[in-house]
Amino acid sequence: MPTVRIRRTLPILVLVLALGPLAAACGGNENGSFDAQPGTPSPSCLQHQQQEPGIRYTAGQKADPTSVLTMMRFYTANGTKAYCDGKPATETDLRWTQLYRSLGGDPSHVAAPS
């Protein structure tokens, strides 16, 4: 089924490359890294993101496809779960989910902004 996987990720990658310069202009920093909770492959709740989206995710053609796809996959699978501390999304969390949606992620896979 590799062909199916390529067909599903190719449109997202094209969007990353096309929208990246616009997103980079919105002030992403160089070091911003997404925490996909690698120690918990199927988390029951979300941890708040500690860093704003960086250029690995927002630099258009210079974005790192692996980083972008990791973030997209994480939110597709877990984006509607509550935060572990019971608090609402922070501004940083909202920037990540906004990036997810702007790159073509299904809005129903992330909590609606409040």
PDB file of N, CA and C in Angstrom:
ATOM      1  N   MET A   1       0.777  -1.205   0.000  1.00  0.00           N
ATOM      2  CA  MET A   1       0.000   0.000   0.000  1.00  0.00           C
ATOM      3  C   MET A   1       0.831   1.288   0.000  1.00  0.00           C
ATOM      4  N   PRO A   2       2.129   1.255  -0.330  1.00  0.00           N
ATOM      5  CA  PRO A   2       2.917   2.481  -0.338  1.00  0.00           C
ATOM      6  C   PRO A   2       2.351   3.530  -1.290  1.00  0.00           C
ATOM      7  N   THR A   3       1.756   3.106  -2.419  1.00  0.00           N
ATOM      8  CA  THR A   3       1.207   4.065  -3.368  1.00  0.00           C
ATOM      9  C   THR A   3       0.092   4.878  -2.731  1.00  0.00           C
ATOM     10  N   VAL A   4      -0.763   4.247  -1.942  1.00  0.00           N
ATOM     11  CA  VAL A   4      -1.853   4.948  -1.268  1.00  0.00           C
ATOM     12  C   VAL A   4      -1.282   5.965  -0.291  1.00  0.00           C
ATOM     13  N   ARG A   5      -0.276   5.600   0.473  1.00  0.00           N
ATOM     14  CA  ARG A   5       0.332   6.498   1.446  1.00  0.00           C
ATOM     15  C   ARG A   5       0.947   7.708   0.739  1.00  0.00           C
ATOM     16  N   ILE A   6       1.606   7.486  -0.394  1.00  0.00           N
ATOM     17  CA  ILE A   6       2.199   8.589  -1.149  1.00  0.00           C
ATOM     18  C   ILE A   6       1.105   9.510  -1.671  1.00  0.00           C
ATOM     19  N   ARG A   7       0.028   8.952  -2.178  1.00  0.00           N
ATOM     20  CA  ARG A   7      -1.066   9.772  -2.696  1.00  0.00           C
ATOM     21  C   ARG A   7      -1.697  10.623  -1.603  1.00  0.00           C
ATOM     22  N   ARG A   8      -1.737  10.132  -0.374  1.00  0.00           N
ATOM     23  CA  ARG A   8      -2.329  10.889   0.723  1.00  0.00           C
ATOM     24  C   ARG A   8      -1.412  11.981   1.228  1.00  0.00           C
ATOM     25  N   THR A   9      -0.106  11.739   1.255  1.00  0.00           N
ATOM     26  CA  THR A   9       0.823  12.724   1.811  1.00  0.00           C
ATOM     27  C   THR A   9       1.296  13.734   0.782  1.00  0.00           C
ATOM     28  N   LEU A  10       1.240  13.400  -0.489  1.00  0.00           N
ATOM     29  CA  LEU A  10       1.716  14.313  -1.520  1.00  0.00           C
ATOM     30  C   LEU A  10       0.970  15.643  -1.513  1.00  0.00           C
ATOM     31  N   PRO A  11      -0.382  15.672  -1.436  1.00  0.00           N
ATOM     32  CA  PRO A  11      -1.063  16.973  -1.394  1.00  0.00           C
ATOM     33  C   PRO A  11      -0.656  17.814  -0.192  1.00  0.00           C
ATOM     34  N   ILE A  12      -0.434  17.200   0.945  1.00  0.00           N
ATOM     35  CA  ILE A  12      -0.018  17.944   2.130  1.00  0.00           C
ATOM     36  C   ILE A  12       1.370  18.525   1.912  1.00  0.00           C
ATOM     37  N   LEU A  13       2.260  17.731   1.351  1.00  0.00           N
ATOM     38  CA  LEU A  13       3.614  18.213   1.097  1.00  0.00           C
ATOM     39  C   LEU A  13       3.598  19.364   0.101  1.00  0.00           C
ATOM     40  N   VAL A  14       2.760  19.278  -0.923  1.00  0.00           N
ATOM     41  CA  VAL A  14       2.644  20.366  -1.895  1.00  0.00           C
ATOM     42  C   VAL A  14       2.159  21.632  -1.195  1.00  0.00           C
ATOM     43  N   LEU A  15       1.179  21.495  -0.307  1.00  0.00           N
ATOM     44  CA  LEU A  15       0.695  22.654   0.439  1.00  0.00           C
ATOM     45  C   LEU A  15       1.788  23.237   1.326  1.00  0.00           C
ATOM     46  N   VAL A  16       2.572  22.386   1.957  1.00  0.00           N
ATOM     47  CA  VAL A  16       3.672  22.861   2.795  1.00  0.00           C
ATOM     48  C   VAL A  16       4.616  23.714   1.962  1.00  0.00           C
ATOM     49  N   LEU A  17       4.950  23.223   0.802  1.00  0.00           N
ATOM     50  CA  LEU A  17       5.892  23.948  -0.043  1.00  0.00           C
ATOM     51  C   LEU A  17       5.292  25.234  -0.589  1.00  0.00           C
ATOM     52  N   ALA A  18       3.995  25.223  -0.890  1.00  0.00           N
ATOM     53  CA  ALA A  18       3.349  26.408  -1.455  1.00  0.00           C
ATOM     54  C   ALA A  18       3.058  27.474  -0.411  1.00  0.00           C
ATOM     55  N   LEU A  19       2.635  27.063   0.768  1.00  0.00           N
ATOM     56  CA  LEU A  19       2.238  28.023   1.792  1.00  0.00           C
ATOM     57  C   LEU A  19       3.362  28.400   2.736  1.00  0.00           C
ATOM     58  N   GLY A  20       4.449  27.710   2.687  1.00  0.00           N
ATOM     59  CA  GLY A  20       5.546  27.953   3.615  1.00  0.00           C
ATOM     60  C   GLY A  20       6.033  29.386   3.685  1.00  0.00           C
ATOM     61  N   PRO A  21       6.295  30.051   2.545  1.00  0.00           N
ATOM     62  CA  PRO A  21       6.776  31.427   2.641  1.00  0.00           C
ATOM     63  C   PRO A  21       5.785  32.337   3.362  1.00  0.00           C
ATOM     64  N   LEU A  22       4.506  32.116   3.146  1.00  0.00           N
ATOM     65  CA  LEU A  22       3.487  32.907   3.839  1.00  0.00           C
ATOM     66  C   LEU A  22       3.549  32.644   5.332  1.00  0.00           C
ATOM     67  N   ALA A  23       3.638  31.384   5.718  1.00  0.00           N
ATOM     68  CA  ALA A  23       3.703  31.049   7.142  1.00  0.00           C
ATOM     69  C   ALA A  23       4.998  31.557   7.770  1.00  0.00           C
ATOM     70  N   ALA A  24       6.103  31.495   7.042  1.00  0.00           N
ATOM     71  CA  ALA A  24       7.366  31.975   7.588  1.00  0.00           C
ATOM     72  C   ALA A  24       7.305  33.474   7.836  1.00  0.00           C
ATOM     73  N   ALA A  25       6.579  34.184   7.012  1.00  0.00           N
ATOM     74  CA  ALA A  25       6.450  35.620   7.199  1.00  0.00           C
ATOM     75  C   ALA A  25       5.645  35.964   8.439  1.00  0.00           C
ATOM     76  N   CYS A  26       4.932  34.998   8.977  1.00  0.00           N
ATOM     77  CA  CYS A  26       4.108  35.236  10.159  1.00  0.00           C
ATOM     78  C   CYS A  26       4.906  35.149  11.453  1.00  0.00           C
ATOM     79  N   GLY A  27       6.209  35.018  11.373  1.00  0.00           N
ATOM     80  CA  GLY A  27       7.029  35.122  12.568  1.00  0.00           C
ATOM     81  C   GLY A  27       7.457  33.821  13.213  1.00  0.00           C
ATOM     82  N   GLY A  28       7.436  32.682  12.486  1.00  0.00           N
ATOM     83  CA  GLY A  28       7.950  31.455  13.071  1.00  0.00           C
ATOM     84  C   GLY A  28       9.420  31.621  13.404  1.00  0.00           C
ATOM     85  N   ASN A  29       9.866  31.021  14.487  1.00  0.00           N
ATOM     86  CA  ASN A  29      11.277  31.177  14.826  1.00  0.00           C
ATOM     87  C   ASN A  29      12.061  29.967  14.363  1.00  0.00           C
ATOM     88  N   GLU A  30      13.372  30.099  14.332  1.00  0.00           N
ATOM     89  CA  GLU A  30      14.231  29.041  13.827  1.00  0.00           C
ATOM     90  C   GLU A  30      14.159  27.765  14.647  1.00  0.00           C
ATOM     91  N   ASN A  31      14.072  27.891  15.944  1.00  0.00           N
ATOM     92  CA  ASN A  31      14.232  26.739  16.812  1.00  0.00           C
ATOM     93  C   ASN A  31      12.944  26.031  17.180  1.00  0.00           C
ATOM     94  N   GLY A  32      11.800  26.583  16.828  1.00  0.00           N
ATOM     95  CA  GLY A  32      10.527  25.998  17.233  1.00  0.00           C
ATOM     96  C   GLY A  32      10.399  24.562  16.800  1.00  0.00           C
ATOM     97  N   SER A  33      10.180  23.709  17.755  1.00  0.00           N
ATOM     98  CA  SER A  33      10.097  22.281  17.495  1.00  0.00           C
ATOM     99  C   SER A  33       8.788  21.744  18.050  1.00  0.00           C
ATOM    100  N   PHE A  34       8.149  20.857  17.312  1.00  0.00           N
ATOM    101  CA  PHE A  34       6.887  20.260  17.723  1.00  0.00           C
ATOM    102  C   PHE A  34       7.147  19.045  18.605  1.00  0.00           C
ATOM    103  N   ASP A  35       6.452  18.958  19.720  1.00  0.00           N
ATOM    104  CA  ASP A  35       6.557  17.807  20.616  1.00  0.00           C
ATOM    105  C   ASP A  35       5.435  16.831  20.280  1.00  0.00           C
ATOM    106  N   ALA A  36       5.782  15.766  19.570  1.00  0.00           N
ATOM    107  CA  ALA A  36       4.811  14.755  19.174  1.00  0.00           C
ATOM    108  C   ALA A  36       4.691  13.650  20.223  1.00  0.00           C
ATOM    109  N   GLN A  37       5.130  13.925  21.447  1.00  0.00           N
ATOM    110  CA  GLN A  37       5.047  12.976  22.556  1.00  0.00           C
ATOM    111  C   GLN A  37       5.555  11.588  22.152  1.00  0.00           C
ATOM    112  N   PRO A  38       6.813  11.511  21.686  1.00  0.00           N
ATOM    113  CA  PRO A  38       7.329  10.249  21.166  1.00  0.00           C
ATOM    114  C   PRO A  38       7.358   9.111  22.183  1.00  0.00           C
ATOM    115  N   GLY A  39       7.394   9.423  23.459  1.00  0.00           N
ATOM    116  CA  GLY A  39       7.405   8.376  24.476  1.00  0.00           C
ATOM    117  C   GLY A  39       6.042   7.730  24.681  1.00  0.00           C
ATOM    118  N   THR A  40       5.013   8.337  24.096  1.00  0.00           N
ATOM    119  CA  THR A  40       3.648   7.826  24.228  1.00  0.00           C
ATOM    120  C   THR A  40       3.023   7.801  22.835  1.00  0.00           C
ATOM    121  N   PRO A  41       3.205   6.725  22.082  1.00  0.00           N
ATOM    122  CA  PRO A  41       2.715   6.690  20.700  1.00  0.00           C
ATOM    123  C   PRO A  41       1.209   6.916  20.554  1.00  0.00           C
ATOM    124  N   SER A  42       0.427   6.503  21.536  1.00  0.00           N
ATOM    125  CA  SER A  42      -1.029   6.718  21.510  1.00  0.00           C
ATOM    126  C   SER A  42      -1.439   7.401  22.808  1.00  0.00           C
ATOM    127  N   PRO A  43      -1.152   8.699  22.938  1.00  0.00           N
ATOM    128  CA  PRO A  43      -1.431   9.375  24.208  1.00  0.00           C
ATOM    129  C   PRO A  43      -2.924   9.466  24.488  1.00  0.00           C
ATOM    130  N   SER A  44      -3.285   9.420  25.771  1.00  0.00           N
ATOM    131  CA  SER A  44      -4.690   9.571  26.147  1.00  0.00           C
ATOM    132  C   SER A  44      -5.039  11.042  26.307  1.00  0.00           C
ATOM    133  N   CYS A  45      -4.021  11.907  26.376  1.00  0.00           N
ATOM    134  CA  CYS A  45      -4.235  13.347  26.486  1.00  0.00           C
ATOM    135  C   CYS A  45      -3.032  14.056  25.875  1.00  0.00           C
ATOM    136  N   LEU A  46      -3.173  15.345  25.649  1.00  0.00           N
ATOM    137  CA  LEU A  46      -2.119  16.128  25.012  1.00  0.00           C
ATOM    138  C   LEU A  46      -1.311  16.932  26.022  1.00  0.00           C
ATOM    139  N   GLN A  47      -0.028  17.069  25.746  1.00  0.00           N
ATOM    140  CA  GLN A  47       0.831  17.989  26.487  1.00  0.00           C
ATOM    141  C   GLN A  47       0.811  19.312  25.714  1.00  0.00           C
ATOM    142  N   HIS A  48       0.905  20.421  26.413  1.00  0.00           N
ATOM    143  CA  HIS A  48       0.968  21.715  25.738  1.00  0.00           C
ATOM    144  C   HIS A  48       2.293  21.842  24.999  1.00  0.00           C
ATOM    145  N   GLN A  49       2.248  22.471  23.837  1.00  0.00           N
ATOM    146  CA  GLN A  49       3.467  22.746  23.077  1.00  0.00           C
ATOM    147  C   GLN A  49       4.234  23.861  23.776  1.00  0.00           C
ATOM    148  N   GLN A  50       5.534  23.710  23.869  1.00  0.00           N
ATOM    149  CA  GLN A  50       6.377  24.669  24.580  1.00  0.00           C
ATOM    150  C   GLN A  50       7.035  25.695  23.658  1.00  0.00           C
ATOM    151  N   GLN A  51       7.085  25.403  22.354  1.00  0.00           N
ATOM    152  CA  GLN A  51       7.758  26.284  21.407  1.00  0.00           C
ATOM    153  C   GLN A  51       6.829  26.640  20.255  1.00  0.00           C
ATOM    154  N   GLU A  52       6.967  27.846  19.749  1.00  0.00           N
ATOM    155  CA  GLU A  52       6.229  28.289  18.565  1.00  0.00           C
ATOM    156  C   GLU A  52       6.718  27.509  17.346  1.00  0.00           C
ATOM    157  N   PRO A  53       5.891  27.378  16.307  1.00  0.00           N
ATOM    158  CA  PRO A  53       6.360  26.714  15.087  1.00  0.00           C
ATOM    159  C   PRO A  53       7.594  27.414  14.522  1.00  0.00           C
ATOM    160  N   GLY A  54       8.627  26.644  14.235  1.00  0.00           N
ATOM    161  CA  GLY A  54       9.869  27.176  13.688  1.00  0.00           C
ATOM    162  C   GLY A  54       9.939  26.972  12.187  1.00  0.00           C
ATOM    163  N   ILE A  55      11.035  27.416  11.611  1.00  0.00           N
ATOM    164  CA  ILE A  55      11.158  27.379  10.156  1.00  0.00           C
ATOM    165  C   ILE A  55      11.204  25.965   9.582  1.00  0.00           C
ATOM    166  N   ARG A  56      11.503  24.981  10.426  1.00  0.00           N
ATOM    167  CA  ARG A  56      11.434  23.590   9.926  1.00  0.00           C
ATOM    168  C   ARG A  56      10.037  23.277   9.417  1.00  0.00           C
ATOM    169  N   TYR A  57       9.048  23.998   9.947  1.00  0.00           N
ATOM    170  CA  TYR A  57       7.643  23.757   9.619  1.00  0.00           C
ATOM    171  C   TYR A  57       7.062  24.851   8.725  1.00  0.00           C
ATOM    172  N   THR A  58       7.676  25.997   8.674  1.00  0.00           N
ATOM    173  CA  THR A  58       7.065  27.157   8.020  1.00  0.00           C
ATOM    174  C   THR A  58       7.872  27.718   6.856  1.00  0.00           C
ATOM    175  N   ALA A  59       8.955  27.087   6.473  1.00  0.00           N
ATOM    176  CA  ALA A  59       9.866  27.664   5.476  1.00  0.00           C
ATOM    177  C   ALA A  59       9.585  27.259   4.043  1.00  0.00           C
ATOM    178  N   GLY A  60       8.386  26.866   3.731  1.00  0.00           N
ATOM    179  CA  GLY A  60       8.040  26.537   2.341  1.00  0.00           C
ATOM    180  C   GLY A  60       8.915  25.435   1.790  1.00  0.00           C
ATOM    181  N   GLN A  61       9.598  25.714   0.701  1.00  0.00           N
ATOM    182  CA  GLN A  61      10.436  24.711   0.051  1.00  0.00           C
ATOM    183  C   GLN A  61      11.616  24.291   0.914  1.00  0.00           C
ATOM    184  N   LYS A  62      11.958  25.095   1.892  1.00  0.00           N
ATOM    185  CA  LYS A  62      13.071  24.755   2.774  1.00  0.00           C
ATOM    186  C   LYS A  62      12.599  24.087   4.064  1.00  0.00           C
ATOM    187  N   ALA A  63      11.286  23.875   4.189  1.00  0.00           N
ATOM    188  CA  ALA A  63      10.758  23.189   5.369  1.00  0.00           C
ATOM    189  C   ALA A  63      11.222  21.734   5.355  1.00  0.00           C
ATOM    190  N   ASP A  64      11.262  21.141   6.521  1.00  0.00           N
ATOM    191  CA  ASP A  64      11.664  19.741   6.648  1.00  0.00           C
ATOM    192  C   ASP A  64      10.426  18.864   6.531  1.00  0.00           C
ATOM    193  N   PRO A  65      10.274  18.155   5.409  1.00  0.00           N
ATOM    194  CA  PRO A  65       9.065  17.358   5.197  1.00  0.00           C
ATOM    195  C   PRO A  65       8.800  16.343   6.310  1.00  0.00           C
ATOM    196  N   THR A  66       9.841  15.735   6.857  1.00  0.00           N
ATOM    197  CA  THR A  66       9.648  14.749   7.924  1.00  0.00           C
ATOM    198  C   THR A  66       9.052  15.413   9.158  1.00  0.00           C
ATOM    199  N   SER A  67       9.554  16.582   9.522  1.00  0.00           N
ATOM    200  CA  SER A  67       9.017  17.296  10.680  1.00  0.00           C
ATOM    201  C   SER A  67       7.569  17.696  10.453  1.00  0.00           C
ATOM    202  N   VAL A  68       7.291  18.229   9.265  1.00  0.00           N
ATOM    203  CA  VAL A  68       5.927  18.660   8.952  1.00  0.00           C
ATOM    204  C   VAL A  68       4.969  17.475   8.980  1.00  0.00           C
ATOM    205  N   LEU A  69       5.352  16.385   8.352  1.00  0.00           N
ATOM    206  CA  LEU A  69       4.464  15.225   8.305  1.00  0.00           C
ATOM    207  C   LEU A  69       4.280  14.589   9.684  1.00  0.00           C
ATOM    208  N   THR A  70       5.299  14.641  10.536  1.00  0.00           N
ATOM    209  CA  THR A  70       5.161  14.138  11.905  1.00  0.00           C
ATOM    210  C   THR A  70       4.111  14.937  12.653  1.00  0.00           C
ATOM    211  N   MET A  71       4.165  16.269  12.531  1.00  0.00           N
ATOM    212  CA  MET A  71       3.180  17.134  13.173  1.00  0.00           C
ATOM    213  C   MET A  71       1.785  16.865  12.619  1.00  0.00           C
ATOM    214  N   MET A  72       1.672  16.772  11.305  1.00  0.00           N
ATOM    215  CA  MET A  72       0.370  16.539  10.679  1.00  0.00           C
ATOM    216  C   MET A  72      -0.213  15.191  11.128  1.00  0.00           C
ATOM    217  N   ARG A  73       0.602  14.167  11.148  1.00  0.00           N
ATOM    218  CA  ARG A  73       0.138  12.840  11.560  1.00  0.00           C
ATOM    219  C   ARG A  73      -0.305  12.853  13.025  1.00  0.00           C
ATOM    220  N   PHE A  74       0.457  13.534  13.876  1.00  0.00           N
ATOM    221  CA  PHE A  74       0.115  13.588  15.301  1.00  0.00           C
ATOM    222  C   PHE A  74      -1.253  14.232  15.510  1.00  0.00           C
ATOM    223  N   TYR A  75      -1.473  15.397  14.894  1.00  0.00           N
ATOM    224  CA  TYR A  75      -2.762  16.061  15.084  1.00  0.00           C
ATOM    225  C   TYR A  75      -3.907  15.296  14.431  1.00  0.00           C
ATOM    226  N   THR A  76      -3.652  14.645  13.316  1.00  0.00           N
ATOM    227  CA  THR A  76      -4.706  13.855  12.683  1.00  0.00           C
ATOM    228  C   THR A  76      -5.173  12.747  13.615  1.00  0.00           C
ATOM    229  N   ALA A  77      -4.259  12.129  14.331  1.00  0.00           N
ATOM    230  CA  ALA A  77      -4.598  11.024  15.231  1.00  0.00           C
ATOM    231  C   ALA A  77      -5.031  11.478  16.624  1.00  0.00           C
ATOM    232  N   ASN A  78      -4.522  12.618  17.092  1.00  0.00           N
ATOM    233  CA  ASN A  78      -4.716  12.975  18.512  1.00  0.00           C
ATOM    234  C   ASN A  78      -5.243  14.380  18.774  1.00  0.00           C
ATOM    235  N   GLY A  79      -5.440  15.165  17.752  1.00  0.00           N
ATOM    236  CA  GLY A  79      -5.711  16.585  17.913  1.00  0.00           C
ATOM    237  C   GLY A  79      -6.964  16.965  18.673  1.00  0.00           C
ATOM    238  N   THR A  80      -7.913  16.080  18.816  1.00  0.00           N
ATOM    239  CA  THR A  80      -9.143  16.433  19.539  1.00  0.00           C
ATOM    240  C   THR A  80      -9.119  15.997  20.998  1.00  0.00           C
ATOM    241  N   LYS A  81      -8.031  15.398  21.432  1.00  0.00           N
ATOM    242  CA  LYS A  81      -7.939  14.970  22.833  1.00  0.00           C
ATOM    243  C   LYS A  81      -7.746  16.182  23.743  1.00  0.00           C
ATOM    244  N   ALA A  82      -8.178  16.041  24.975  1.00  0.00           N
ATOM    245  CA  ALA A  82      -8.030  17.119  25.962  1.00  0.00           C
ATOM    246  C   ALA A  82      -6.575  17.226  26.404  1.00  0.00           C
ATOM    247  N   TYR A  83      -6.234  18.378  26.951  1.00  0.00           N
ATOM    248  CA  TYR A  83      -4.895  18.548  27.509  1.00  0.00           C
ATOM    249  C   TYR A  83      -4.834  17.868  28.866  1.00  0.00           C
ATOM    250  N   CYS A  84      -3.691  17.270  29.148  1.00  0.00           N
ATOM    251  CA  CYS A  84      -3.515  16.476  30.363  1.00  0.00           C
ATOM    252  C   CYS A  84      -3.740  17.277  31.640  1.00  0.00           C
ATOM    253  N   ASP A  85      -3.443  18.572  31.607  1.00  0.00           N
ATOM    254  CA  ASP A  85      -3.626  19.398  32.800  1.00  0.00           C
ATOM    255  C   ASP A  85      -5.039  19.946  32.935  1.00  0.00           C
ATOM    256  N   GLY A  86      -5.915  19.609  31.994  1.00  0.00           N
ATOM    257  CA  GLY A  86      -7.300  20.053  32.050  1.00  0.00           C
ATOM    258  C   GLY A  86      -7.508  21.505  31.642  1.00  0.00           C
ATOM    259  N   LYS A  87      -6.439  22.191  31.279  1.00  0.00           N
ATOM    260  CA  LYS A  87      -6.538  23.597  30.890  1.00  0.00           C
ATOM    261  C   LYS A  87      -6.768  23.702  29.385  1.00  0.00           C
ATOM    262  N   PRO A  88      -7.259  24.859  28.928  1.00  0.00           N
ATOM    263  CA  PRO A  88      -7.463  25.040  27.487  1.00  0.00           C
ATOM    264  C   PRO A  88      -6.129  25.204  26.751  1.00  0.00           C
ATOM    265  N   ALA A  89      -6.220  25.189  25.453  1.00  0.00           N
ATOM    266  CA  ALA A  89      -5.039  25.392  24.609  1.00  0.00           C
ATOM    267  C   ALA A  89      -4.415  26.749  24.891  1.00  0.00           C
ATOM    268  N   THR A  90      -3.087  26.789  24.868  1.00  0.00           N
ATOM    269  CA  THR A  90      -2.360  28.050  25.025  1.00  0.00           C
ATOM    270  C   THR A  90      -2.263  28.730  23.660  1.00  0.00           C
ATOM    271  N   GLU A  91      -1.758  29.951  23.641  1.00  0.00           N
ATOM    272  CA  GLU A  91      -1.528  30.644  22.362  1.00  0.00           C
ATOM    273  C   GLU A  91      -0.576  29.839  21.483  1.00  0.00           C
ATOM    274  N   THR A  92       0.421  29.230  22.097  1.00  0.00           N
ATOM    275  CA  THR A  92       1.372  28.414  21.337  1.00  0.00           C
ATOM    276  C   THR A  92       0.670  27.189  20.747  1.00  0.00           C
ATOM    277  N   ASP A  93      -0.173  26.529  21.535  1.00  0.00           N
ATOM    278  CA  ASP A  93      -0.929  25.383  21.020  1.00  0.00           C
ATOM    279  C   ASP A  93      -1.786  25.807  19.834  1.00  0.00           C
ATOM    280  N   LEU A  94      -2.427  26.955  19.953  1.00  0.00           N
ATOM    281  CA  LEU A  94      -3.294  27.450  18.881  1.00  0.00           C
ATOM    282  C   LEU A  94      -2.508  27.763  17.612  1.00  0.00           C
ATOM    283  N   ARG A  95      -1.290  28.235  17.754  1.00  0.00           N
ATOM    284  CA  ARG A  95      -0.467  28.491  16.561  1.00  0.00           C
ATOM    285  C   ARG A  95      -0.152  27.189  15.827  1.00  0.00           C
ATOM    286  N   TRP A  96       0.104  26.133  16.584  1.00  0.00           N
ATOM    287  CA  TRP A  96       0.368  24.836  15.948  1.00  0.00           C
ATOM    288  C   TRP A  96      -0.874  24.297  15.251  1.00  0.00           C
ATOM    289  N   THR A  97      -2.025  24.375  15.900  1.00  0.00           N
ATOM    290  CA  THR A  97      -3.236  23.850  15.250  1.00  0.00           C
ATOM    291  C   THR A  97      -3.642  24.716  14.067  1.00  0.00           C
ATOM    292  N   GLN A  98      -3.369  26.016  14.140  1.00  0.00           N
ATOM    293  CA  GLN A  98      -3.619  26.895  12.998  1.00  0.00           C
ATOM    294  C   GLN A  98      -2.714  26.503  11.826  1.00  0.00           C
ATOM    295  N   LEU A  99      -1.455  26.212  12.116  1.00  0.00           N
ATOM    296  CA  LEU A  99      -0.531  25.754  11.077  1.00  0.00           C
ATOM    297  C   LEU A  99      -1.035  24.451  10.468  1.00  0.00           C
ATOM    298  N   TYR A 100      -1.469  23.517  11.311  1.00  0.00           N
ATOM    299  CA  TYR A 100      -2.015  22.248  10.832  1.00  0.00           C
ATOM    300  C   TYR A 100      -3.149  22.498   9.833  1.00  0.00           C
ATOM    301  N   ARG A 101      -4.085  23.355  10.193  1.00  0.00           N
ATOM    302  CA  ARG A 101      -5.214  23.648   9.308  1.00  0.00           C
ATOM    303  C   ARG A 101      -4.752  24.365   8.045  1.00  0.00           C
ATOM    304  N   SER A 102      -3.811  25.306   8.167  1.00  0.00           N
ATOM    305  CA  SER A 102      -3.360  26.056   6.993  1.00  0.00           C
ATOM    306  C   SER A 102      -2.609  25.169   6.000  1.00  0.00           C
ATOM    307  N   LEU A 103      -2.056  24.064   6.479  1.00  0.00           N
ATOM    308  CA  LEU A 103      -1.353  23.131   5.598  1.00  0.00           C
ATOM    309  C   LEU A 103      -2.275  22.062   5.032  1.00  0.00           C
ATOM    310  N   GLY A 104      -3.570  22.221   5.235  1.00  0.00           N
ATOM    311  CA  GLY A 104      -4.538  21.302   4.652  1.00  0.00           C
ATOM    312  C   GLY A 104      -5.045  20.234   5.591  1.00  0.00           C
ATOM    313  N   GLY A 105      -4.678  20.307   6.861  1.00  0.00           N
ATOM    314  CA  GLY A 105      -5.187  19.344   7.835  1.00  0.00           C
ATOM    315  C   GLY A 105      -6.682  19.519   8.037  1.00  0.00           C
ATOM    316  N   ASP A 106      -7.378  18.440   8.219  1.00  0.00           N
ATOM    317  CA  ASP A 106      -8.822  18.449   8.416  1.00  0.00           C
ATOM    318  C   ASP A 106      -9.155  19.159   9.727  1.00  0.00           C
ATOM    319  N   PRO A 107      -9.912  20.257   9.676  1.00  0.00           N
ATOM    320  CA  PRO A 107     -10.253  20.989  10.896  1.00  0.00           C
ATOM    321  C   PRO A 107     -10.962  20.137  11.957  1.00  0.00           C
ATOM    322  N   SER A 108     -11.620  19.072  11.534  1.00  0.00           N
ATOM    323  CA  SER A 108     -12.313  18.215  12.515  1.00  0.00           C
ATOM    324  C   SER A 108     -11.345  17.363  13.337  1.00  0.00           C
ATOM    325  N   HIS A 109     -10.065  17.369  12.955  1.00  0.00           N
ATOM    326  CA  HIS A 109      -9.057  16.586  13.684  1.00  0.00           C
ATOM    327  C   HIS A 109      -8.356  17.371  14.780  1.00  0.00           C
ATOM    328  N   VAL A 110      -8.694  18.644  14.932  1.00  0.00           N
ATOM    329  CA  VAL A 110      -8.148  19.462  16.001  1.00  0.00           C
ATOM    330  C   VAL A 110      -9.283  20.213  16.687  1.00  0.00           C
ATOM    331  N   ALA A 111      -9.085  20.516  17.941  1.00  0.00           N
ATOM    332  CA  ALA A 111     -10.094  21.253  18.688  1.00  0.00           C
ATOM    333  C   ALA A 111     -10.298  22.628  18.038  1.00  0.00           C
ATOM    334  N   ALA A 112     -11.539  23.070  18.034  1.00  0.00           N
ATOM    335  CA  ALA A 112     -11.851  24.387  17.483  1.00  0.00           C
ATOM    336  C   ALA A 112     -11.237  25.464  18.373  1.00  0.00           C
ATOM    337  N   PRO A 113     -10.704  26.524  17.751  1.00  0.00           N
ATOM    338  CA  PRO A 113     -10.157  27.602  18.567  1.00  0.00           C
ATOM    339  C   PRO A 113     -11.253  28.210  19.430  1.00  0.00           C
ATOM    340  N   SER A 114     -10.904  28.578  20.661  1.00  0.00           N
ATOM    341  CA  SER A 114     -11.927  29.145  21.537  1.00  0.00           C
ATOM    342  C   SER A 114     -11.917  30.655  21.505  1.00  0.00           C
TER     343      SER A 114
END
